[in-house]
Amino acid sequence: MPTFYAFRIKCTTTLPTDTSLVRIILKDTYGNELLVYEDYALIHNEYFSSVNNFGEETFYLPSTTGDRIIIQTNNASVYINRFIYYTTPFSGYIDLQKAHIDSLTYRKANEMNNKIKDRQMLWFAGYTPYNALSYELKKSLFGDKYNIEGWDFYTGGIYTQMSQINNANKTTSNGTLVEYFDWRRKHYANDSNCP
């Protein structure tokens, strides 16, 4: 494979569950791992689910030679149409890459906040020191196939994973929906004789 200065993908993902994950990584000849693409429930929308000419950390690169592609999936499927690499360098690629990553971070945080609001969760997503880390640094902190469900974007509130919210209050042990619940009755808070 020749030396390239950008590595991008055209693909489509299907994420049937709240813990579904697709991640595509480029490993270069020096052993560095760079995130090409990822999609998971909190960011999954039309922008991230079907991409053309997309790259995260690989959208702009210094002189790079690829070694292999790593594809991670968890309860998900990905259809890869093609990989695209550019053999012409980009002038000022460092500034271009920073602007590109900032734009993706904004899109991800915005989509997370939309999903958080829709599901009436009590936390907020935004810029943090964790979402600024490279894939390799996140991997060293959280493990090889991490899926932290937006925790790296957590800026405040009571953090709850989407997978916990969607499964927590659906049914009782006998499979029926809870019709009525008052915590005061559960803990005898409305009984004056109870301490």
N, C-alpha and C. Protein backbone atom coordinates (compact mmCIF):
# COMPACT_ATOMS: atom_id res chain seq x y z
N MET A 1 0.86 -1.18 0.00
CA MET A 1 0.00 0.00 0.00
C MET A 1 0.90 1.24 0.00
N PRO A 2 0.56 2.24 -0.81
CA PRO A 2 1.39 3.44 -0.87
C PRO A 2 1.21 4.31 0.37
N THR A 3 2.09 5.29 0.53
CA THR A 3 1.96 6.30 1.58
C THR A 3 0.74 7.15 1.28
N PHE A 4 -0.04 7.48 2.33
CA PHE A 4 -1.23 8.32 2.12
C PHE A 4 -1.32 9.39 3.19
N TYR A 5 -2.22 10.37 2.94
CA TYR A 5 -2.36 11.54 3.80
C TYR A 5 -3.80 11.72 4.30
N ALA A 6 -4.65 10.79 3.95
CA ALA A 6 -6.02 10.73 4.46
C ALA A 6 -6.51 9.33 4.19
N PHE A 7 -7.30 8.79 5.12
CA PHE A 7 -7.89 7.46 4.96
C PHE A 7 -9.34 7.56 5.39
N ARG A 8 -10.24 7.32 4.46
CA ARG A 8 -11.66 7.53 4.72
C ARG A 8 -12.47 6.32 4.29
N ILE A 9 -13.74 6.33 4.69
CA ILE A 9 -14.59 5.17 4.48
C ILE A 9 -15.97 5.58 3.98
N LYS A 10 -16.58 4.67 3.25
CA LYS A 10 -18.01 4.77 2.93
C LYS A 10 -18.64 3.50 3.48
N CYS A 11 -19.59 3.66 4.42
CA CYS A 11 -20.21 2.49 5.04
C CYS A 11 -21.59 2.83 5.59
N THR A 12 -22.32 1.78 5.95
CA THR A 12 -23.64 1.91 6.57
C THR A 12 -23.69 0.95 7.75
N THR A 13 -24.26 1.43 8.87
CA THR A 13 -24.36 0.59 10.07
C THR A 13 -25.81 0.37 10.47
N THR A 14 -26.03 -0.74 11.15
CA THR A 14 -27.32 -1.04 11.77
C THR A 14 -27.04 -1.36 13.23
N LEU A 15 -27.72 -0.62 14.13
CA LEU A 15 -27.53 -0.80 15.56
C LEU A 15 -28.88 -1.16 16.20
N PRO A 16 -29.17 -2.43 16.40
CA PRO A 16 -30.49 -2.82 16.91
C PRO A 16 -30.70 -2.64 18.42
N THR A 17 -29.62 -2.46 19.21
CA THR A 17 -29.79 -2.34 20.65
C THR A 17 -29.09 -1.09 21.18
N ASP A 18 -29.35 -0.76 22.42
CA ASP A 18 -28.73 0.40 23.05
C ASP A 18 -27.27 0.17 23.41
N THR A 19 -26.79 -1.06 23.32
CA THR A 19 -25.38 -1.33 23.57
C THR A 19 -24.64 -1.69 22.29
N SER A 20 -25.29 -1.53 21.14
CA SER A 20 -24.65 -1.82 19.86
C SER A 20 -23.51 -0.85 19.61
N LEU A 21 -22.49 -1.35 18.93
CA LEU A 21 -21.30 -0.56 18.66
C LEU A 21 -20.64 -1.04 17.38
N VAL A 22 -20.19 -0.09 16.56
CA VAL A 22 -19.33 -0.37 15.42
C VAL A 22 -18.15 0.57 15.52
N ARG A 23 -16.95 0.01 15.39
CA ARG A 23 -15.75 0.83 15.40
C ARG A 23 -14.78 0.26 14.37
N ILE A 24 -14.22 1.15 13.54
CA ILE A 24 -13.26 0.74 12.52
C ILE A 24 -11.97 1.51 12.77
N ILE A 25 -10.87 0.77 12.85
CA ILE A 25 -9.58 1.33 13.24
C ILE A 25 -8.55 1.02 12.16
N LEU A 26 -7.71 2.00 11.86
CA LEU A 26 -6.57 1.81 10.97
C LEU A 26 -5.33 1.62 11.83
N LYS A 27 -4.62 0.54 11.58
CA LYS A 27 -3.35 0.32 12.26
C LYS A 27 -2.24 0.59 11.24
N ASP A 28 -1.35 1.53 11.58
CA ASP A 28 -0.28 1.86 10.64
C ASP A 28 0.92 0.93 10.84
N THR A 29 1.94 1.10 10.00
CA THR A 29 3.09 0.20 10.04
C THR A 29 3.93 0.35 11.30
N TYR A 30 3.72 1.43 12.06
CA TYR A 30 4.43 1.62 13.33
C TYR A 30 3.65 1.07 14.52
N GLY A 31 2.46 0.52 14.26
CA GLY A 31 1.63 -0.04 15.33
C GLY A 31 0.66 0.94 15.94
N ASN A 32 0.62 2.20 15.45
CA ASN A 32 -0.35 3.19 15.95
C ASN A 32 -1.75 2.82 15.46
N GLU A 33 -2.73 3.00 16.32
CA GLU A 33 -4.11 2.74 15.94
C GLU A 33 -4.87 4.06 15.89
N LEU A 34 -5.52 4.30 14.76
CA LEU A 34 -6.25 5.54 14.52
C LEU A 34 -7.71 5.23 14.22
N LEU A 35 -8.61 5.96 14.86
CA LEU A 35 -10.03 5.74 14.67
C LEU A 35 -10.46 6.27 13.31
N VAL A 36 -11.01 5.39 12.49
CA VAL A 36 -11.55 5.77 11.19
C VAL A 36 -13.03 6.12 11.34
N TYR A 37 -13.75 5.28 12.11
CA TYR A 37 -15.21 5.43 12.19
C TYR A 37 -15.71 4.74 13.45
N GLU A 38 -16.75 5.34 14.07
CA GLU A 38 -17.47 4.65 15.14
C GLU A 38 -18.92 5.12 15.14
N ASP A 39 -19.78 4.22 15.58
CA ASP A 39 -21.20 4.52 15.72
C ASP A 39 -21.71 3.71 16.91
N TYR A 40 -22.48 4.36 17.77
CA TYR A 40 -23.11 3.69 18.90
C TYR A 40 -24.42 4.41 19.19
N ALA A 41 -25.25 3.83 20.05
CA ALA A 41 -26.64 4.27 20.22
C ALA A 41 -26.79 5.76 20.51
N LEU A 42 -25.95 6.32 21.36
CA LEU A 42 -26.12 7.73 21.74
C LEU A 42 -25.80 8.72 20.63
N ILE A 43 -25.04 8.31 19.61
CA ILE A 43 -24.75 9.23 18.51
C ILE A 43 -25.42 8.78 17.22
N HIS A 44 -26.02 7.61 17.21
CA HIS A 44 -26.59 7.03 15.99
C HIS A 44 -27.70 7.92 15.44
N ASN A 45 -27.49 8.45 14.26
CA ASN A 45 -28.50 9.21 13.52
C ASN A 45 -28.14 9.14 12.05
N GLU A 46 -28.86 9.87 11.19
CA GLU A 46 -28.60 9.79 9.76
C GLU A 46 -27.19 10.25 9.39
N TYR A 47 -26.60 11.14 10.16
CA TYR A 47 -25.25 11.62 9.86
C TYR A 47 -24.20 10.53 10.10
N PHE A 48 -24.34 9.77 11.18
CA PHE A 48 -23.34 8.76 11.53
C PHE A 48 -23.67 7.35 11.02
N SER A 49 -24.92 7.07 10.67
CA SER A 49 -25.29 5.70 10.32
C SER A 49 -24.99 5.34 8.87
N SER A 50 -24.91 6.32 8.00
CA SER A 50 -24.59 6.06 6.60
C SER A 50 -23.64 7.15 6.13
N VAL A 51 -22.36 6.82 6.02
CA VAL A 51 -21.36 7.84 5.75
C VAL A 51 -20.68 7.61 4.40
N ASN A 52 -20.20 8.70 3.84
CA ASN A 52 -19.47 8.66 2.58
C ASN A 52 -18.26 9.59 2.74
N ASN A 53 -17.07 9.09 2.44
CA ASN A 53 -15.86 9.90 2.56
C ASN A 53 -15.67 10.40 3.99
N PHE A 54 -15.80 9.48 4.96
CA PHE A 54 -15.79 9.81 6.38
C PHE A 54 -14.50 9.31 7.02
N GLY A 55 -13.99 10.09 7.93
CA GLY A 55 -12.85 9.68 8.74
C GLY A 55 -12.89 10.47 10.03
N GLU A 56 -12.54 9.85 11.12
CA GLU A 56 -12.44 10.60 12.38
C GLU A 56 -10.99 11.07 12.52
N GLU A 57 -10.14 10.26 13.12
CA GLU A 57 -8.73 10.65 13.28
C GLU A 57 -7.94 10.52 11.98
N THR A 58 -8.54 9.92 10.96
CA THR A 58 -7.82 9.67 9.71
C THR A 58 -8.25 10.59 8.57
N PHE A 59 -9.07 11.58 8.87
CA PHE A 59 -9.56 12.47 7.81
C PHE A 59 -8.41 13.27 7.20
N TYR A 60 -7.48 13.74 8.04
CA TYR A 60 -6.24 14.38 7.60
C TYR A 60 -5.11 13.74 8.36
N LEU A 61 -4.02 13.38 7.66
CA LEU A 61 -2.92 12.66 8.30
C LEU A 61 -1.57 13.20 7.85
N PRO A 62 -0.54 12.95 8.67
CA PRO A 62 0.82 13.14 8.14
C PRO A 62 1.10 11.96 7.20
N SER A 63 2.25 11.89 6.64
CA SER A 63 2.62 10.77 5.78
C SER A 63 2.42 9.45 6.55
N THR A 64 1.55 8.58 6.06
CA THR A 64 1.16 7.36 6.78
C THR A 64 1.16 6.18 5.82
N THR A 65 1.56 5.02 6.34
CA THR A 65 1.44 3.78 5.59
C THR A 65 0.64 2.81 6.45
N GLY A 66 -0.41 2.27 5.87
CA GLY A 66 -1.29 1.38 6.62
C GLY A 66 -0.77 -0.04 6.68
N ASP A 67 -1.13 -0.72 7.77
CA ASP A 67 -0.77 -2.12 7.94
C ASP A 67 -2.01 -3.01 7.86
N ARG A 68 -3.07 -2.58 8.58
CA ARG A 68 -4.32 -3.38 8.57
C ARG A 68 -5.49 -2.55 9.08
N ILE A 69 -6.67 -3.09 8.86
CA ILE A 69 -7.92 -2.50 9.35
C ILE A 69 -8.47 -3.44 10.42
N ILE A 70 -8.90 -2.86 11.53
CA ILE A 70 -9.53 -3.61 12.61
C ILE A 70 -10.99 -3.19 12.67
N ILE A 71 -11.89 -4.16 12.66
CA ILE A 71 -13.33 -3.87 12.72
C ILE A 71 -13.89 -4.49 13.99
N GLN A 72 -14.47 -3.66 14.84
CA GLN A 72 -15.09 -4.12 16.08
C GLN A 72 -16.60 -3.94 15.95
N THR A 73 -17.35 -4.95 16.31
CA THR A 73 -18.80 -4.83 16.36
C THR A 73 -19.30 -5.47 17.64
N ASN A 74 -20.37 -4.93 18.17
CA ASN A 74 -21.06 -5.50 19.32
C ASN A 74 -22.55 -5.35 19.04
N ASN A 75 -23.24 -6.47 18.82
CA ASN A 75 -24.68 -6.45 18.51
C ASN A 75 -24.98 -5.44 17.41
N ALA A 76 -24.20 -5.46 16.35
CA ALA A 76 -24.36 -4.48 15.27
C ALA A 76 -23.87 -5.09 13.97
N SER A 77 -24.22 -4.44 12.87
CA SER A 77 -23.68 -4.84 11.58
C SER A 77 -23.20 -3.61 10.84
N VAL A 78 -22.20 -3.83 9.99
CA VAL A 78 -21.65 -2.75 9.18
C VAL A 78 -21.46 -3.28 7.76
N TYR A 79 -21.87 -2.46 6.80
CA TYR A 79 -21.65 -2.76 5.39
C TYR A 79 -20.66 -1.73 4.88
N ILE A 80 -19.48 -2.20 4.51
CA ILE A 80 -18.43 -1.30 4.02
C ILE A 80 -18.46 -1.30 2.50
N ASN A 81 -18.75 -0.13 1.94
CA ASN A 81 -18.76 0.01 0.48
C ASN A 81 -17.34 0.13 -0.06
N ARG A 82 -16.54 1.00 0.60
CA ARG A 82 -15.17 1.18 0.13
C ARG A 82 -14.35 1.96 1.16
N PHE A 83 -13.04 1.79 1.04
CA PHE A 83 -12.06 2.60 1.73
C PHE A 83 -11.42 3.52 0.70
N ILE A 84 -11.13 4.74 1.10
CA ILE A 84 -10.56 5.74 0.19
C ILE A 84 -9.29 6.28 0.84
N TYR A 85 -8.20 6.33 0.11
CA TYR A 85 -7.01 6.97 0.66
C TYR A 85 -6.50 8.00 -0.34
N TYR A 86 -5.95 9.09 0.20
CA TYR A 86 -5.47 10.22 -0.59
C TYR A 86 -3.95 10.24 -0.54
N THR A 87 -3.31 10.31 -1.71
CA THR A 87 -1.85 10.26 -1.78
C THR A 87 -1.22 11.64 -1.93
N THR A 88 -2.04 12.69 -1.88
CA THR A 88 -1.53 14.05 -1.95
C THR A 88 -1.62 14.68 -0.56
N PRO A 89 -0.52 15.27 -0.06
CA PRO A 89 -0.57 15.88 1.28
C PRO A 89 -1.49 17.10 1.34
N PHE A 90 -2.03 17.36 2.53
CA PHE A 90 -2.86 18.54 2.79
C PHE A 90 -2.01 19.58 3.49
N SER A 91 -1.97 20.77 2.96
CA SER A 91 -1.22 21.86 3.58
C SER A 91 -1.92 22.25 4.88
N GLY A 92 -1.17 22.33 5.97
CA GLY A 92 -1.75 22.70 7.27
C GLY A 92 -2.66 21.62 7.83
N TYR A 93 -2.29 20.33 7.62
CA TYR A 93 -3.17 19.24 8.03
C TYR A 93 -3.44 19.23 9.54
N ILE A 94 -2.52 19.73 10.36
CA ILE A 94 -2.73 19.72 11.82
C ILE A 94 -3.92 20.60 12.19
N ASP A 95 -3.97 21.81 11.64
CA ASP A 95 -5.10 22.71 11.91
C ASP A 95 -6.39 22.17 11.31
N LEU A 96 -6.30 21.59 10.11
CA LEU A 96 -7.48 21.00 9.48
C LEU A 96 -8.03 19.84 10.32
N GLN A 97 -7.11 19.00 10.83
CA GLN A 97 -7.53 17.86 11.66
C GLN A 97 -8.19 18.33 12.95
N LYS A 98 -7.63 19.34 13.59
CA LYS A 98 -8.21 19.86 14.83
C LYS A 98 -9.61 20.40 14.58
N ALA A 99 -9.79 21.17 13.52
CA ALA A 99 -11.12 21.71 13.19
C ALA A 99 -12.10 20.58 12.88
N HIS A 100 -11.62 19.55 12.19
CA HIS A 100 -12.47 18.41 11.86
C HIS A 100 -12.92 17.67 13.12
N ILE A 101 -12.00 17.38 14.02
CA ILE A 101 -12.32 16.68 15.27
C ILE A 101 -13.26 17.53 16.12
N ASP A 102 -13.03 18.84 16.20
CA ASP A 102 -13.92 19.72 16.96
C ASP A 102 -15.34 19.67 16.39
N SER A 103 -15.46 19.67 15.08
CA SER A 103 -16.77 19.60 14.44
C SER A 103 -17.48 18.28 14.76
N LEU A 104 -16.75 17.16 14.70
CA LEU A 104 -17.34 15.86 15.04
C LEU A 104 -17.74 15.79 16.52
N THR A 105 -16.91 16.35 17.39
CA THR A 105 -17.22 16.36 18.82
C THR A 105 -18.51 17.14 19.06
N TYR A 106 -18.65 18.28 18.41
CA TYR A 106 -19.87 19.08 18.54
C TYR A 106 -21.08 18.28 18.06
N ARG A 107 -20.98 17.63 16.90
CA ARG A 107 -22.10 16.82 16.37
C ARG A 107 -22.48 15.70 17.33
N LYS A 108 -21.46 15.01 17.87
CA LYS A 108 -21.73 13.90 18.79
C LYS A 108 -22.41 14.41 20.06
N ALA A 109 -21.88 15.47 20.66
CA ALA A 109 -22.46 16.00 21.90
C ALA A 109 -23.88 16.49 21.65
N ASN A 110 -24.13 17.11 20.52
CA ASN A 110 -25.47 17.60 20.19
C ASN A 110 -26.45 16.44 20.05
N GLU A 111 -26.04 15.39 19.35
CA GLU A 111 -26.93 14.23 19.19
C GLU A 111 -27.16 13.54 20.53
N MET A 112 -26.13 13.43 21.35
CA MET A 112 -26.29 12.84 22.68
C MET A 112 -27.30 13.64 23.50
N ASN A 113 -27.18 14.96 23.49
CA ASN A 113 -28.11 15.79 24.25
C ASN A 113 -29.54 15.64 23.75
N ASN A 114 -29.73 15.47 22.44
CA ASN A 114 -31.07 15.21 21.90
C ASN A 114 -31.62 13.90 22.43
N LYS A 115 -30.80 12.85 22.43
CA LYS A 115 -31.25 11.53 22.92
C LYS A 115 -31.48 11.56 24.43
N ILE A 116 -30.60 12.25 25.15
CA ILE A 116 -30.74 12.39 26.60
C ILE A 116 -32.06 13.07 26.94
N LYS A 117 -32.37 14.13 26.22
CA LYS A 117 -33.63 14.86 26.45
C LYS A 117 -34.83 13.98 26.10
N ASP A 118 -34.78 13.28 24.95
CA ASP A 118 -35.89 12.41 24.54
C ASP A 118 -36.18 11.32 25.55
N ARG A 119 -35.13 10.80 26.17
CA ARG A 119 -35.29 9.69 27.13
C ARG A 119 -35.41 10.19 28.56
N GLN A 120 -35.47 11.50 28.74
CA GLN A 120 -35.64 12.15 30.04
C GLN A 120 -34.56 11.72 31.03
N MET A 121 -33.34 11.58 30.52
CA MET A 121 -32.21 11.32 31.41
C MET A 121 -31.79 12.64 32.04
N LEU A 122 -31.00 12.59 33.07
CA LEU A 122 -30.70 13.77 33.88
C LEU A 122 -29.25 14.21 33.79
N TRP A 123 -28.61 14.00 32.63
CA TRP A 123 -27.24 14.45 32.49
C TRP A 123 -27.06 15.21 31.19
N PHE A 124 -25.90 15.81 31.02
CA PHE A 124 -25.62 16.65 29.86
C PHE A 124 -24.30 16.23 29.22
N ALA A 125 -24.24 16.33 27.90
CA ALA A 125 -23.03 16.00 27.15
C ALA A 125 -22.41 17.28 26.61
N GLY A 126 -21.09 17.28 26.53
CA GLY A 126 -20.37 18.43 25.98
C GLY A 126 -18.89 18.12 25.86
N TYR A 127 -18.09 19.16 25.78
CA TYR A 127 -16.64 19.00 25.65
C TYR A 127 -16.02 18.66 27.00
N THR A 128 -15.19 17.64 27.02
CA THR A 128 -14.48 17.24 28.23
C THR A 128 -13.04 16.85 27.86
N PRO A 129 -12.17 16.72 28.85
CA PRO A 129 -10.81 16.25 28.54
C PRO A 129 -10.81 14.84 27.95
N TYR A 130 -11.80 14.01 28.28
CA TYR A 130 -11.83 12.63 27.78
C TYR A 130 -12.19 12.56 26.30
N ASN A 131 -13.18 13.37 25.85
CA ASN A 131 -13.53 13.24 24.43
C ASN A 131 -12.48 13.86 23.53
N ALA A 132 -11.53 14.59 24.11
CA ALA A 132 -10.42 15.13 23.32
C ALA A 132 -9.30 14.11 23.15
N LEU A 133 -9.35 12.98 23.87
CA LEU A 133 -8.29 11.98 23.79
C LEU A 133 -8.39 11.20 22.48
N SER A 134 -7.26 10.73 22.02
CA SER A 134 -7.22 9.89 20.82
C SER A 134 -7.81 8.52 21.14
N TYR A 135 -8.13 7.77 20.08
CA TYR A 135 -8.62 6.41 20.27
C TYR A 135 -7.62 5.59 21.08
N GLU A 136 -6.33 5.70 20.76
CA GLU A 136 -5.32 4.91 21.47
C GLU A 136 -5.29 5.22 22.96
N LEU A 137 -5.42 6.49 23.33
CA LEU A 137 -5.42 6.84 24.76
C LEU A 137 -6.69 6.34 25.45
N LYS A 138 -7.83 6.46 24.79
CA LYS A 138 -9.07 5.93 25.38
C LYS A 138 -8.96 4.42 25.55
N LYS A 139 -8.39 3.76 24.56
CA LYS A 139 -8.20 2.31 24.63
C LYS A 139 -7.32 1.94 25.82
N SER A 140 -6.26 2.71 26.06
CA SER A 140 -5.38 2.40 27.19
C SER A 140 -6.08 2.64 28.53
N LEU A 141 -7.01 3.60 28.58
CA LEU A 141 -7.75 3.88 29.82
C LEU A 141 -8.92 2.92 30.05
N PHE A 142 -9.67 2.60 28.97
CA PHE A 142 -10.94 1.89 29.13
C PHE A 142 -10.94 0.47 28.58
N GLY A 143 -9.85 0.03 27.97
CA GLY A 143 -9.79 -1.32 27.43
C GLY A 143 -9.97 -1.35 25.92
N ASP A 144 -9.67 -2.50 25.35
CA ASP A 144 -9.61 -2.66 23.90
C ASP A 144 -10.93 -2.38 23.18
N LYS A 145 -12.02 -2.91 23.72
CA LYS A 145 -13.32 -2.75 23.04
C LYS A 145 -14.28 -1.93 23.89
N TYR A 146 -13.78 -0.81 24.39
CA TYR A 146 -14.59 0.01 25.28
C TYR A 146 -15.83 0.55 24.56
N ASN A 147 -16.91 0.64 25.30
CA ASN A 147 -18.11 1.35 24.86
C ASN A 147 -18.63 2.03 26.12
N ILE A 148 -18.23 3.27 26.32
CA ILE A 148 -18.55 3.96 27.56
C ILE A 148 -19.85 4.75 27.47
N GLU A 149 -20.62 4.51 26.40
CA GLU A 149 -21.97 5.07 26.23
C GLU A 149 -22.05 6.55 26.58
N GLY A 150 -21.12 7.31 26.06
CA GLY A 150 -21.19 8.76 26.23
C GLY A 150 -20.55 9.32 27.47
N TRP A 151 -20.04 8.44 28.36
CA TRP A 151 -19.46 8.95 29.60
C TRP A 151 -18.32 9.92 29.33
N ASP A 152 -17.58 9.72 28.24
CA ASP A 152 -16.47 10.61 27.93
C ASP A 152 -16.94 12.01 27.54
N PHE A 153 -18.27 12.19 27.33
CA PHE A 153 -18.85 13.50 27.03
C PHE A 153 -19.60 14.09 28.22
N TYR A 154 -19.62 13.39 29.35
CA TYR A 154 -20.39 13.81 30.52
C TYR A 154 -19.88 15.14 31.08
N THR A 155 -20.77 16.14 31.17
CA THR A 155 -20.40 17.44 31.72
C THR A 155 -21.16 17.81 32.99
N GLY A 156 -22.22 17.09 33.32
CA GLY A 156 -22.96 17.40 34.54
C GLY A 156 -24.25 16.62 34.63
N GLY A 157 -24.85 16.63 35.81
CA GLY A 157 -26.10 15.93 36.04
C GLY A 157 -25.84 14.55 36.63
N ILE A 158 -26.84 13.69 36.54
CA ILE A 158 -26.76 12.33 37.08
C ILE A 158 -26.58 11.39 35.90
N TYR A 159 -25.34 10.91 35.71
CA TYR A 159 -25.02 10.08 34.54
C TYR A 159 -25.68 8.71 34.65
N THR A 160 -26.36 8.33 33.59
CA THR A 160 -26.93 7.00 33.45
C THR A 160 -26.71 6.55 32.02
N GLN A 161 -26.31 5.31 31.84
CA GLN A 161 -26.15 4.78 30.50
C GLN A 161 -27.52 4.56 29.86
N MET A 162 -27.57 4.73 28.54
CA MET A 162 -28.83 4.52 27.82
C MET A 162 -29.34 3.09 28.02
N SER A 163 -28.44 2.13 28.03
CA SER A 163 -28.87 0.74 28.18
C SER A 163 -29.52 0.51 29.54
N GLN A 164 -29.12 1.26 30.58
CA GLN A 164 -29.75 1.12 31.89
C GLN A 164 -31.12 1.78 31.91
N ILE A 165 -31.25 2.94 31.28
CA ILE A 165 -32.53 3.67 31.25
C ILE A 165 -33.59 2.88 30.52
N ASN A 166 -33.26 2.37 29.36
CA ASN A 166 -34.26 1.69 28.55
C ASN A 166 -34.71 0.38 29.15
N ASN A 167 -33.91 -0.24 30.00
CA ASN A 167 -34.29 -1.52 30.58
C ASN A 167 -34.79 -1.39 32.01
N ALA A 168 -34.54 -0.26 32.66
CA ALA A 168 -34.79 -0.14 34.10
C ALA A 168 -36.26 -0.14 34.46
N ASN A 169 -37.09 0.59 33.76
CA ASN A 169 -38.47 0.77 34.20
C ASN A 169 -39.51 0.22 33.23
N LYS A 170 -39.13 -0.77 32.43
CA LYS A 170 -40.07 -1.27 31.44
C LYS A 170 -41.13 -2.19 32.05
N THR A 171 -40.71 -3.16 32.85
CA THR A 171 -41.67 -4.14 33.35
C THR A 171 -41.37 -4.50 34.79
N THR A 172 -42.35 -5.14 35.41
CA THR A 172 -42.15 -5.69 36.75
C THR A 172 -41.63 -7.11 36.58
N SER A 173 -41.42 -7.82 37.68
CA SER A 173 -40.89 -9.18 37.60
C SER A 173 -41.84 -10.14 36.90
N ASN A 174 -43.15 -9.84 36.92
CA ASN A 174 -44.08 -10.75 36.23
C ASN A 174 -44.34 -10.32 34.79
N GLY A 175 -43.60 -9.30 34.29
CA GLY A 175 -43.68 -8.92 32.89
C GLY A 175 -44.72 -7.86 32.55
N THR A 176 -45.43 -7.32 33.56
CA THR A 176 -46.42 -6.28 33.26
C THR A 176 -45.88 -4.91 33.64
N LEU A 177 -46.41 -3.90 33.02
CA LEU A 177 -45.99 -2.54 33.34
C LEU A 177 -46.50 -2.13 34.71
N VAL A 178 -45.73 -1.33 35.41
CA VAL A 178 -46.14 -0.82 36.71
C VAL A 178 -47.20 0.25 36.48
N GLU A 179 -48.38 0.08 37.08
CA GLU A 179 -49.46 1.05 36.87
C GLU A 179 -49.35 2.24 37.81
N TYR A 180 -48.83 2.01 39.03
CA TYR A 180 -48.79 3.09 40.00
C TYR A 180 -47.62 2.84 40.95
N PHE A 181 -46.90 3.90 41.29
CA PHE A 181 -45.82 3.78 42.26
C PHE A 181 -45.67 5.11 42.97
N ASP A 182 -45.65 5.08 44.29
CA ASP A 182 -45.43 6.28 45.10
C ASP A 182 -44.35 5.92 46.11
N TRP A 183 -43.19 6.55 46.00
CA TRP A 183 -42.08 6.22 46.89
C TRP A 183 -42.42 6.45 48.34
N ARG A 184 -43.33 7.38 48.62
CA ARG A 184 -43.69 7.64 50.02
C ARG A 184 -44.38 6.43 50.65
N ARG A 185 -45.21 5.75 49.86
CA ARG A 185 -45.85 4.53 50.36
C ARG A 185 -44.83 3.42 50.51
N LYS A 186 -43.90 3.33 49.59
CA LYS A 186 -42.89 2.28 49.61
C LYS A 186 -42.02 2.38 50.88
N HIS A 187 -41.68 3.59 51.28
CA HIS A 187 -40.80 3.79 52.43
C HIS A 187 -41.54 4.34 53.65
N TYR A 188 -42.85 4.29 53.65
CA TYR A 188 -43.70 4.72 54.76
C TYR A 188 -43.47 6.17 55.14
N ALA A 189 -43.10 7.02 54.16
CA ALA A 189 -42.84 8.42 54.45
C ALA A 189 -44.11 9.19 54.80
N ASN A 190 -45.26 8.69 54.40
CA ASN A 190 -46.52 9.36 54.72
C ASN A 190 -47.16 8.81 56.01
N ASP A 191 -46.45 7.93 56.74
CA ASP A 191 -46.93 7.38 58.01
C ASP A 191 -46.25 8.13 59.14
N SER A 192 -47.03 8.90 59.94
CA SER A 192 -46.45 9.72 61.00
C SER A 192 -45.81 8.88 62.11
N ASN A 193 -46.16 7.59 62.24
CA ASN A 193 -45.58 6.71 63.26
C ASN A 193 -44.24 6.09 62.84
N CYS A 194 -43.90 6.29 61.57
CA CYS A 194 -42.66 5.72 61.05
C CYS A 194 -41.51 6.70 61.21
N PRO A 195 -40.36 6.26 61.72
CA PRO A 195 -39.23 7.19 61.91
C PRO A 195 -38.67 7.65 60.59
